[in-house]
Amino acid sequence: MENKIIQENKWLNFLPERIFRKRKPRFATIGSGFIFPVHLAAIKEVGELVEYDTDEDYVSILTPNDTHFEYCLKESEKGKIVICEKPLA
């Protein structure tokens, strides 16, 4: 059932299959702008929302545009998979 949900959810098709083999993926967000409800709904379809900097697999950047690059770089350096809407810089 879980893999079927992943395949049908086109928004999250890019997520690595390896994470789904062991458990549901864990997502954290930085920021909670007006787009947060949209991201939360998508996250709940395939994974779970956890508190930032606990043990998340993915970090979704929901901050003002001029901060995207800084947060993306910081999280990438920590080895996290980053989800960021445009613009990146």
N, C-alpha and C. Protein backbone atom coordinates (compact mmCIF):
# COMPACT_ATOMS: atom_id res chain seq x y z
N MET A 1 0.82 -1.20 0.00
CA MET A 1 0.00 0.00 0.00
C MET A 1 0.86 1.26 0.00
N GLU A 2 1.89 1.27 0.84
CA GLU A 2 2.74 2.45 0.96
C GLU A 2 3.42 2.80 -0.37
N ASN A 3 3.96 1.80 -1.07
CA ASN A 3 4.61 2.07 -2.35
C ASN A 3 3.61 2.58 -3.39
N LYS A 4 2.38 2.11 -3.33
CA LYS A 4 1.35 2.58 -4.26
C LYS A 4 1.10 4.07 -4.05
N ILE A 5 1.05 4.51 -2.82
CA ILE A 5 0.84 5.93 -2.51
C ILE A 5 2.00 6.74 -3.07
N ILE A 6 3.21 6.26 -2.90
CA ILE A 6 4.39 6.97 -3.38
C ILE A 6 4.34 7.12 -4.89
N GLN A 7 3.98 6.05 -5.60
CA GLN A 7 3.93 6.10 -7.05
C GLN A 7 2.86 7.05 -7.57
N GLU A 8 1.77 7.16 -6.86
CA GLU A 8 0.67 8.01 -7.30
C GLU A 8 0.89 9.48 -6.96
N ASN A 9 1.75 9.78 -6.02
CA ASN A 9 1.98 11.15 -5.62
C ASN A 9 3.09 11.76 -6.46
N LYS A 10 2.72 12.44 -7.53
CA LYS A 10 3.71 12.98 -8.47
C LYS A 10 4.58 14.05 -7.83
N TRP A 11 4.08 14.77 -6.84
CA TRP A 11 4.87 15.82 -6.19
C TRP A 11 6.11 15.25 -5.51
N LEU A 12 6.01 14.03 -5.02
CA LEU A 12 7.12 13.44 -4.27
C LEU A 12 7.77 12.27 -4.99
N ASN A 13 7.62 12.16 -6.31
CA ASN A 13 8.20 11.05 -7.05
C ASN A 13 9.71 11.02 -7.02
N PHE A 14 10.35 12.14 -6.71
CA PHE A 14 11.80 12.19 -6.73
C PHE A 14 12.44 11.63 -5.47
N LEU A 15 11.68 11.28 -4.47
CA LEU A 15 12.25 10.79 -3.22
C LEU A 15 12.91 9.43 -3.42
N PRO A 16 14.11 9.24 -2.90
CA PRO A 16 14.82 7.98 -3.09
C PRO A 16 14.07 6.80 -2.50
N GLU A 17 13.95 5.74 -3.27
CA GLU A 17 13.24 4.53 -2.85
C GLU A 17 13.89 3.89 -1.63
N ARG A 18 15.21 4.04 -1.46
CA ARG A 18 15.91 3.39 -0.36
C ARG A 18 15.36 3.77 1.00
N ILE A 19 14.85 4.98 1.15
CA ILE A 19 14.34 5.43 2.44
C ILE A 19 13.02 4.74 2.77
N PHE A 20 12.25 4.41 1.75
CA PHE A 20 10.94 3.81 1.98
C PHE A 20 11.01 2.34 2.33
N ARG A 21 12.14 1.71 2.15
CA ARG A 21 12.25 0.28 2.42
C ARG A 21 12.21 -0.02 3.92
N LYS A 22 12.73 0.87 4.74
CA LYS A 22 12.84 0.61 6.17
C LYS A 22 11.71 1.23 6.99
N ARG A 23 11.29 2.42 6.62
CA ARG A 23 10.30 3.15 7.41
C ARG A 23 9.78 4.32 6.59
N LYS A 24 8.78 4.97 7.12
CA LYS A 24 8.29 6.17 6.46
C LYS A 24 9.35 7.26 6.56
N PRO A 25 9.53 8.05 5.51
CA PRO A 25 10.52 9.12 5.58
C PRO A 25 10.09 10.22 6.55
N ARG A 26 11.07 10.86 7.15
CA ARG A 26 10.81 11.94 8.11
C ARG A 26 11.19 13.28 7.48
N PHE A 27 10.29 14.22 7.59
CA PHE A 27 10.46 15.55 7.02
C PHE A 27 10.48 16.58 8.13
N ALA A 28 11.27 17.62 7.94
CA ALA A 28 11.24 18.78 8.83
C ALA A 28 11.14 20.01 7.94
N THR A 29 10.64 21.08 8.50
CA THR A 29 10.54 22.32 7.72
C THR A 29 11.33 23.42 8.42
N ILE A 30 11.85 24.31 7.61
CA ILE A 30 12.45 25.54 8.11
C ILE A 30 11.54 26.64 7.62
N GLY A 31 10.92 27.34 8.55
CA GLY A 31 9.94 28.35 8.20
C GLY A 31 8.55 27.74 8.11
N SER A 32 7.58 28.61 8.10
CA SER A 32 6.19 28.13 8.00
C SER A 32 5.34 29.18 7.31
N GLY A 33 5.79 29.58 6.14
CA GLY A 33 5.07 30.59 5.38
C GLY A 33 3.72 30.11 4.89
N PHE A 34 3.13 30.89 4.01
CA PHE A 34 1.77 30.59 3.54
C PHE A 34 1.70 29.26 2.79
N ILE A 35 2.83 28.76 2.31
CA ILE A 35 2.85 27.50 1.56
C ILE A 35 2.90 26.28 2.49
N PHE A 36 3.08 26.49 3.77
CA PHE A 36 3.21 25.38 4.71
C PHE A 36 2.07 24.36 4.64
N PRO A 37 0.81 24.77 4.59
CA PRO A 37 -0.27 23.78 4.52
C PRO A 37 -0.18 22.87 3.30
N VAL A 38 0.29 23.40 2.19
CA VAL A 38 0.44 22.59 0.98
C VAL A 38 1.53 21.55 1.18
N HIS A 39 2.67 21.97 1.71
CA HIS A 39 3.76 21.03 1.97
C HIS A 39 3.35 20.00 3.02
N LEU A 40 2.67 20.42 4.05
CA LEU A 40 2.25 19.50 5.10
C LEU A 40 1.33 18.42 4.55
N ALA A 41 0.40 18.79 3.70
CA ALA A 41 -0.52 17.80 3.12
C ALA A 41 0.25 16.77 2.30
N ALA A 42 1.23 17.22 1.53
CA ALA A 42 2.02 16.30 0.72
C ALA A 42 2.89 15.40 1.60
N ILE A 43 3.47 15.97 2.63
CA ILE A 43 4.30 15.20 3.55
C ILE A 43 3.49 14.10 4.22
N LYS A 44 2.29 14.42 4.66
CA LYS A 44 1.46 13.45 5.37
C LYS A 44 1.04 12.28 4.48
N GLU A 45 1.06 12.47 3.17
CA GLU A 45 0.70 11.39 2.26
C GLU A 45 1.73 10.27 2.25
N VAL A 46 2.99 10.61 2.46
CA VAL A 46 4.04 9.59 2.33
C VAL A 46 4.95 9.46 3.55
N GLY A 47 4.88 10.38 4.47
CA GLY A 47 5.81 10.33 5.59
C GLY A 47 5.25 10.99 6.82
N GLU A 48 6.16 11.48 7.65
CA GLU A 48 5.74 12.14 8.87
C GLU A 48 6.55 13.41 9.08
N LEU A 49 5.93 14.38 9.70
CA LEU A 49 6.58 15.64 10.03
C LEU A 49 7.21 15.50 11.40
N VAL A 50 8.50 15.83 11.51
CA VAL A 50 9.20 15.77 12.78
C VAL A 50 9.78 17.14 13.09
N GLU A 51 10.16 17.33 14.33
CA GLU A 51 10.76 18.59 14.74
C GLU A 51 12.11 18.75 14.03
N TYR A 52 12.39 19.97 13.61
CA TYR A 52 13.63 20.25 12.89
C TYR A 52 14.85 19.88 13.72
N ASP A 53 15.82 19.32 13.04
CA ASP A 53 17.12 18.96 13.60
C ASP A 53 17.02 17.82 14.62
N THR A 54 16.08 16.91 14.40
CA THR A 54 16.01 15.73 15.25
C THR A 54 16.64 14.56 14.50
N ASP A 55 15.91 13.99 13.58
CA ASP A 55 16.45 12.88 12.79
C ASP A 55 15.74 12.82 11.45
N GLU A 56 15.57 13.98 10.82
CA GLU A 56 14.84 14.04 9.57
C GLU A 56 15.69 13.55 8.40
N ASP A 57 14.99 13.04 7.37
CA ASP A 57 15.64 12.64 6.13
C ASP A 57 15.64 13.80 5.13
N TYR A 58 14.60 14.60 5.19
CA TYR A 58 14.40 15.69 4.25
C TYR A 58 14.12 16.98 5.01
N VAL A 59 14.57 18.08 4.42
CA VAL A 59 14.27 19.40 4.98
C VAL A 59 13.60 20.22 3.89
N SER A 60 12.45 20.74 4.19
CA SER A 60 11.72 21.59 3.26
C SER A 60 11.90 23.05 3.68
N ILE A 61 12.41 23.86 2.76
CA ILE A 61 12.69 25.26 3.03
C ILE A 61 11.45 26.09 2.71
N LEU A 62 10.87 26.73 3.72
CA LEU A 62 9.65 27.52 3.55
C LEU A 62 9.86 28.94 4.07
N THR A 63 10.98 29.51 3.73
CA THR A 63 11.36 30.84 4.22
C THR A 63 11.26 31.85 3.08
N PRO A 64 11.43 33.14 3.37
CA PRO A 64 11.43 34.13 2.29
C PRO A 64 12.51 33.83 1.25
N ASN A 65 12.24 34.20 0.00
CA ASN A 65 13.11 33.87 -1.12
C ASN A 65 14.57 34.23 -0.90
N ASP A 66 14.85 35.36 -0.31
CA ASP A 66 16.24 35.80 -0.19
C ASP A 66 17.04 34.98 0.82
N THR A 67 16.40 34.05 1.53
CA THR A 67 17.12 33.19 2.47
C THR A 67 17.28 31.75 1.97
N HIS A 68 16.69 31.44 0.83
CA HIS A 68 16.71 30.07 0.32
C HIS A 68 18.12 29.51 0.18
N PHE A 69 18.99 30.26 -0.47
CA PHE A 69 20.33 29.75 -0.74
C PHE A 69 21.07 29.40 0.55
N GLU A 70 21.03 30.29 1.51
CA GLU A 70 21.72 30.06 2.78
C GLU A 70 21.25 28.78 3.46
N TYR A 71 19.94 28.61 3.55
CA TYR A 71 19.40 27.41 4.21
C TYR A 71 19.68 26.14 3.40
N CYS A 72 19.54 26.22 2.09
CA CYS A 72 19.80 25.05 1.25
C CYS A 72 21.25 24.59 1.38
N LEU A 73 22.16 25.54 1.35
CA LEU A 73 23.57 25.21 1.47
C LEU A 73 23.87 24.57 2.83
N LYS A 74 23.36 25.18 3.89
CA LYS A 74 23.59 24.68 5.25
C LYS A 74 23.07 23.24 5.41
N GLU A 75 21.88 22.99 4.95
CA GLU A 75 21.28 21.65 5.10
C GLU A 75 21.96 20.63 4.20
N SER A 76 22.35 21.03 3.00
CA SER A 76 23.06 20.13 2.10
C SER A 76 24.39 19.70 2.69
N GLU A 77 25.07 20.64 3.32
CA GLU A 77 26.35 20.33 3.95
C GLU A 77 26.19 19.33 5.10
N LYS A 78 25.01 19.30 5.70
CA LYS A 78 24.73 18.34 6.78
C LYS A 78 24.31 16.98 6.22
N GLY A 79 24.22 16.88 4.89
CA GLY A 79 23.85 15.62 4.27
C GLY A 79 22.37 15.40 4.12
N LYS A 80 21.58 16.43 4.32
CA LYS A 80 20.12 16.31 4.21
C LYS A 80 19.70 16.46 2.75
N ILE A 81 18.59 15.85 2.41
CA ILE A 81 17.97 16.07 1.11
C ILE A 81 17.08 17.29 1.28
N VAL A 82 17.27 18.29 0.42
CA VAL A 82 16.59 19.57 0.58
C VAL A 82 15.50 19.73 -0.48
N ILE A 83 14.33 20.16 -0.02
CA ILE A 83 13.23 20.51 -0.91
C ILE A 83 13.06 22.02 -0.81
N CYS A 84 13.21 22.69 -1.94
CA CYS A 84 13.12 24.15 -1.93
C CYS A 84 12.42 24.60 -3.20
N GLU A 85 11.40 25.42 -3.02
CA GLU A 85 10.73 26.00 -4.18
C GLU A 85 11.57 27.14 -4.71
N LYS A 86 11.38 27.46 -5.96
CA LYS A 86 12.14 28.55 -6.55
C LYS A 86 11.81 29.87 -5.88
N PRO A 87 12.62 30.87 -5.96
CA PRO A 87 13.98 30.84 -6.51
C PRO A 87 14.98 30.37 -5.46
N LEU A 88 16.03 29.73 -5.93
CA LEU A 88 17.05 29.22 -5.03
C LEU A 88 17.95 30.34 -4.55
N ALA A 89 18.28 31.27 -5.40
CA ALA A 89 19.19 32.35 -4.99
C ALA A 89 18.68 33.67 -5.53
